[in-house]
Amino acid sequence: MTLSIEKHPCFNDASRHSFGRIHLPVAPKCNIQCNYCNRKFDCLNENRPG
């Protein structure tokens, strides 16, 4: 079995608009600076960790 990233949404510009992505903070110390867990940008109608 050969793995190919050619059609993966993160690496293919044509297919990245066909799939949704979510941020799953599974590491003890998340290193992604996306403001997903920053409550300063929170909305009352959203449920996010952090």
PDB file of N, CA and C in Angstrom:
ATOM      1  N   MET A   1       0.837  -1.184   0.000  1.00  0.00           N
ATOM      2  CA  MET A   1       0.000   0.000   0.000  1.00  0.00           C
ATOM      3  C   MET A   1       0.883   1.248   0.000  1.00  0.00           C
ATOM      4  N   THR A   2       0.626   2.133  -0.915  1.00  0.00           N
ATOM      5  CA  THR A   2       1.378   3.370  -1.019  1.00  0.00           C
ATOM      6  C   THR A   2       0.490   4.540  -0.609  1.00  0.00           C
ATOM      7  N   LEU A   3       0.989   5.358   0.285  1.00  0.00           N
ATOM      8  CA  LEU A   3       0.239   6.534   0.709  1.00  0.00           C
ATOM      9  C   LEU A   3       0.558   7.701  -0.213  1.00  0.00           C
ATOM     10  N   SER A   4      -0.474   8.395  -0.616  1.00  0.00           N
ATOM     11  CA  SER A   4      -0.295   9.539  -1.503  1.00  0.00           C
ATOM     12  C   SER A   4      -1.011  10.742  -0.908  1.00  0.00           C
ATOM     13  N   ILE A   5      -0.326  11.869  -0.876  1.00  0.00           N
ATOM     14  CA  ILE A   5      -0.948  13.080  -0.346  1.00  0.00           C
ATOM     15  C   ILE A   5      -1.438  13.996  -1.463  1.00  0.00           C
ATOM     16  N   GLU A   6      -1.385  13.515  -2.688  1.00  0.00           N
ATOM     17  CA  GLU A   6      -1.767  14.361  -3.822  1.00  0.00           C
ATOM     18  C   GLU A   6      -3.220  14.817  -3.755  1.00  0.00           C
ATOM     19  N   LYS A   7      -4.107  13.976  -3.241  1.00  0.00           N
ATOM     20  CA  LYS A   7      -5.527  14.324  -3.181  1.00  0.00           C
ATOM     21  C   LYS A   7      -5.985  14.700  -1.778  1.00  0.00           C
ATOM     22  N   HIS A   8      -5.062  14.784  -0.831  1.00  0.00           N
ATOM     23  CA  HIS A   8      -5.418  15.149   0.540  1.00  0.00           C
ATOM     24  C   HIS A   8      -5.839  16.618   0.576  1.00  0.00           C
ATOM     25  N   PRO A   9      -6.941  16.954   1.264  1.00  0.00           N
ATOM     26  CA  PRO A   9      -7.446  18.335   1.280  1.00  0.00           C
ATOM     27  C   PRO A   9      -6.455  19.367   1.813  1.00  0.00           C
ATOM     28  N   CYS A  10      -5.537  18.953   2.668  1.00  0.00           N
ATOM     29  CA  CYS A  10      -4.565  19.908   3.206  1.00  0.00           C
ATOM     30  C   CYS A  10      -3.476  20.266   2.204  1.00  0.00           C
ATOM     31  N   PHE A  11      -3.288  19.428   1.202  1.00  0.00           N
ATOM     32  CA  PHE A  11      -2.195  19.634   0.260  1.00  0.00           C
ATOM     33  C   PHE A  11      -2.655  19.848  -1.175  1.00  0.00           C
ATOM     34  N   ASN A  12      -3.921  19.632  -1.468  1.00  0.00           N
ATOM     35  CA  ASN A  12      -4.438  19.753  -2.824  1.00  0.00           C
ATOM     36  C   ASN A  12      -5.386  20.939  -2.889  1.00  0.00           C
ATOM     37  N   ASP A  13      -5.044  21.940  -3.685  1.00  0.00           N
ATOM     38  CA  ASP A  13      -5.848  23.157  -3.761  1.00  0.00           C
ATOM     39  C   ASP A  13      -7.239  22.889  -4.325  1.00  0.00           C
ATOM     40  N   ALA A  14      -7.370  21.929  -5.230  1.00  0.00           N
ATOM     41  CA  ALA A  14      -8.673  21.645  -5.837  1.00  0.00           C
ATOM     42  C   ALA A  14      -9.621  20.937  -4.873  1.00  0.00           C
ATOM     43  N   SER A  15      -9.110  20.091  -4.001  1.00  0.00           N
ATOM     44  CA  SER A  15      -9.993  19.339  -3.116  1.00  0.00           C
ATOM     45  C   SER A  15     -10.160  19.961  -1.735  1.00  0.00           C
ATOM     46  N   ARG A  16      -9.428  21.023  -1.429  1.00  0.00           N
ATOM     47  CA  ARG A  16      -9.551  21.598  -0.089  1.00  0.00           C
ATOM     48  C   ARG A  16     -10.878  22.301   0.141  1.00  0.00           C
ATOM     49  N   HIS A  17     -11.599  22.642  -0.919  1.00  0.00           N
ATOM     50  CA  HIS A  17     -12.899  23.288  -0.767  1.00  0.00           C
ATOM     51  C   HIS A  17     -14.038  22.274  -0.685  1.00  0.00           C
ATOM     52  N   SER A  18     -13.725  20.991  -0.769  1.00  0.00           N
ATOM     53  CA  SER A  18     -14.748  19.942  -0.738  1.00  0.00           C
ATOM     54  C   SER A  18     -14.873  19.266   0.623  1.00  0.00           C
ATOM     55  N   PHE A  19     -13.916  19.499   1.510  1.00  0.00           N
ATOM     56  CA  PHE A  19     -13.901  18.825   2.800  1.00  0.00           C
ATOM     57  C   PHE A  19     -13.722  19.845   3.909  1.00  0.00           C
ATOM     58  N   GLY A  20     -14.412  19.639   5.012  1.00  0.00           N
ATOM     59  CA  GLY A  20     -14.256  20.505   6.173  1.00  0.00           C
ATOM     60  C   GLY A  20     -13.152  19.994   7.075  1.00  0.00           C
ATOM     61  N   ARG A  21     -12.560  20.887   7.845  1.00  0.00           N
ATOM     62  CA  ARG A  21     -11.519  20.503   8.789  1.00  0.00           C
ATOM     63  C   ARG A  21     -11.867  21.075  10.150  1.00  0.00           C
ATOM     64  N   ILE A  22     -11.504  20.356  11.190  1.00  0.00           N
ATOM     65  CA  ILE A  22     -11.695  20.842  12.547  1.00  0.00           C
ATOM     66  C   ILE A  22     -10.383  20.713  13.299  1.00  0.00           C
ATOM     67  N   HIS A  23     -10.250  21.494  14.336  1.00  0.00           N
ATOM     68  CA  HIS A  23      -9.057  21.450  15.170  1.00  0.00           C
ATOM     69  C   HIS A  23      -9.369  20.601  16.388  1.00  0.00           C
ATOM     70  N   LEU A  24      -8.635  19.509  16.565  1.00  0.00           N
ATOM     71  CA  LEU A  24      -8.792  18.648  17.727  1.00  0.00           C
ATOM     72  C   LEU A  24      -7.557  18.784  18.605  1.00  0.00           C
ATOM     73  N   PRO A  25      -7.642  19.551  19.690  1.00  0.00           N
ATOM     74  CA  PRO A  25      -6.481  19.733  20.555  1.00  0.00           C
ATOM     75  C   PRO A  25      -6.254  18.493  21.415  1.00  0.00           C
ATOM     76  N   VAL A  26      -5.463  17.569  20.923  1.00  0.00           N
ATOM     77  CA  VAL A  26      -5.236  16.317  21.636  1.00  0.00           C
ATOM     78  C   VAL A  26      -3.905  16.294  22.381  1.00  0.00           C
ATOM     79  N   ALA A  27      -3.034  17.218  22.093  1.00  0.00           N
ATOM     80  CA  ALA A  27      -1.741  17.263  22.769  1.00  0.00           C
ATOM     81  C   ALA A  27      -1.887  17.968  24.120  1.00  0.00           C
ATOM     82  N   PRO A  28      -1.096  17.577  25.123  1.00  0.00           N
ATOM     83  CA  PRO A  28      -1.161  18.255  26.420  1.00  0.00           C
ATOM     84  C   PRO A  28      -0.921  19.763  26.302  1.00  0.00           C
ATOM     85  N   LYS A  29      -0.011  20.147  25.432  1.00  0.00           N
ATOM     86  CA  LYS A  29       0.226  21.572  25.179  1.00  0.00           C
ATOM     87  C   LYS A  29       0.080  21.797  23.688  1.00  0.00           C
ATOM     88  N   CYS A  30      -1.051  22.329  23.298  1.00  0.00           N
ATOM     89  CA  CYS A  30      -1.329  22.537  21.876  1.00  0.00           C
ATOM     90  C   CYS A  30      -0.374  23.590  21.320  1.00  0.00           C
ATOM     91  N   ASN A  31       0.184  23.344  20.141  1.00  0.00           N
ATOM     92  CA  ASN A  31       1.122  24.292  19.539  1.00  0.00           C
ATOM     93  C   ASN A  31       0.523  24.994  18.326  1.00  0.00           C
ATOM     94  N   ILE A  32      -0.787  24.889  18.137  1.00  0.00           N
ATOM     95  CA  ILE A  32      -1.436  25.544  17.008  1.00  0.00           C
ATOM     96  C   ILE A  32      -1.947  26.906  17.463  1.00  0.00           C
ATOM     97  N   GLN A  33      -1.514  27.957  16.831  1.00  0.00           N
ATOM     98  CA  GLN A  33      -1.906  29.315  17.193  1.00  0.00           C
ATOM     99  C   GLN A  33      -3.069  29.776  16.319  1.00  0.00           C
ATOM    100  N   CYS A  34      -4.242  29.167  16.515  1.00  0.00           N
ATOM    101  CA  CYS A  34      -5.370  29.462  15.630  1.00  0.00           C
ATOM    102  C   CYS A  34      -6.473  30.248  16.326  1.00  0.00           C
ATOM    103  N   ASN A  35      -6.324  30.573  17.599  1.00  0.00           N
ATOM    104  CA  ASN A  35      -7.345  31.252  18.399  1.00  0.00           C
ATOM    105  C   ASN A  35      -8.610  30.432  18.579  1.00  0.00           C
ATOM    106  N   TYR A  36      -8.551  29.128  18.282  1.00  0.00           N
ATOM    107  CA  TYR A  36      -9.719  28.269  18.463  1.00  0.00           C
ATOM    108  C   TYR A  36     -10.100  28.188  19.934  1.00  0.00           C
ATOM    109  N   CYS A  37      -9.115  28.073  20.800  1.00  0.00           N
ATOM    110  CA  CYS A  37      -9.385  27.931  22.225  1.00  0.00           C
ATOM    111  C   CYS A  37      -9.351  29.258  22.971  1.00  0.00           C
ATOM    112  N   ASN A  38      -9.121  30.355  22.289  1.00  0.00           N
ATOM    113  CA  ASN A  38      -9.040  31.658  22.923  1.00  0.00           C
ATOM    114  C   ASN A  38     -10.447  32.185  23.157  1.00  0.00           C
ATOM    115  N   ARG A  39     -10.853  32.296  24.414  1.00  0.00           N
ATOM    116  CA  ARG A  39     -12.203  32.739  24.742  1.00  0.00           C
ATOM    117  C   ARG A  39     -12.439  34.219  24.435  1.00  0.00           C
ATOM    118  N   LYS A  40     -11.392  34.969  24.172  1.00  0.00           N
ATOM    119  CA  LYS A  40     -11.562  36.381  23.835  1.00  0.00           C
ATOM    120  C   LYS A  40     -12.357  36.542  22.542  1.00  0.00           C
ATOM    121  N   PHE A  41     -12.275  35.560  21.653  1.00  0.00           N
ATOM    122  CA  PHE A  41     -12.970  35.606  20.379  1.00  0.00           C
ATOM    123  C   PHE A  41     -14.245  34.774  20.399  1.00  0.00           C
ATOM    124  N   ASP A  42     -14.745  34.414  21.590  1.00  0.00           N
ATOM    125  CA  ASP A  42     -15.882  33.510  21.710  1.00  0.00           C
ATOM    126  C   ASP A  42     -17.201  34.226  21.427  1.00  0.00           C
ATOM    127  N   CYS A  43     -18.155  33.447  20.965  1.00  0.00           N
ATOM    128  CA  CYS A  43     -19.511  33.911  20.723  1.00  0.00           C
ATOM    129  C   CYS A  43     -20.427  33.128  21.658  1.00  0.00           C
ATOM    130  N   LEU A  44     -21.531  33.714  22.103  1.00  0.00           N
ATOM    131  CA  LEU A  44     -22.435  33.031  23.017  1.00  0.00           C
ATOM    132  C   LEU A  44     -23.061  31.789  22.404  1.00  0.00           C
ATOM    133  N   ASN A  45     -23.158  31.718  21.090  1.00  0.00           N
ATOM    134  CA  ASN A  45     -23.799  30.597  20.421  1.00  0.00           C
ATOM    135  C   ASN A  45     -22.825  29.493  20.024  1.00  0.00           C
ATOM    136  N   GLU A  46     -21.576  29.602  20.427  1.00  0.00           N
ATOM    137  CA  GLU A  46     -20.568  28.612  20.054  1.00  0.00           C
ATOM    138  C   GLU A  46     -20.176  27.780  21.263  1.00  0.00           C
ATOM    139  N   ASN A  47     -19.833  26.536  21.016  1.00  0.00           N
ATOM    140  CA  ASN A  47     -19.295  25.658  22.053  1.00  0.00           C
ATOM    141  C   ASN A  47     -17.897  25.247  21.635  1.00  0.00           C
ATOM    142  N   ARG A  48     -16.909  25.754  22.358  1.00  0.00           N
ATOM    143  CA  ARG A  48     -15.517  25.441  22.056  1.00  0.00           C
ATOM    144  C   ARG A  48     -14.795  25.125  23.352  1.00  0.00           C
ATOM    145  N   PRO A  49     -13.751  24.322  23.280  1.00  0.00           N
ATOM    146  CA  PRO A  49     -12.949  24.102  24.494  1.00  0.00           C
ATOM    147  C   PRO A  49     -12.105  25.328  24.797  1.00  0.00           C
ATOM    148  N   GLY A  50     -11.595  25.371  25.975  1.00  0.00           N
ATOM    149  CA  GLY A  50     -10.686  26.458  26.283  1.00  0.00           C
ATOM    150  C   GLY A  50     -11.080  27.295  27.453  1.00  0.00           C
TER     151      GLY A  50
END
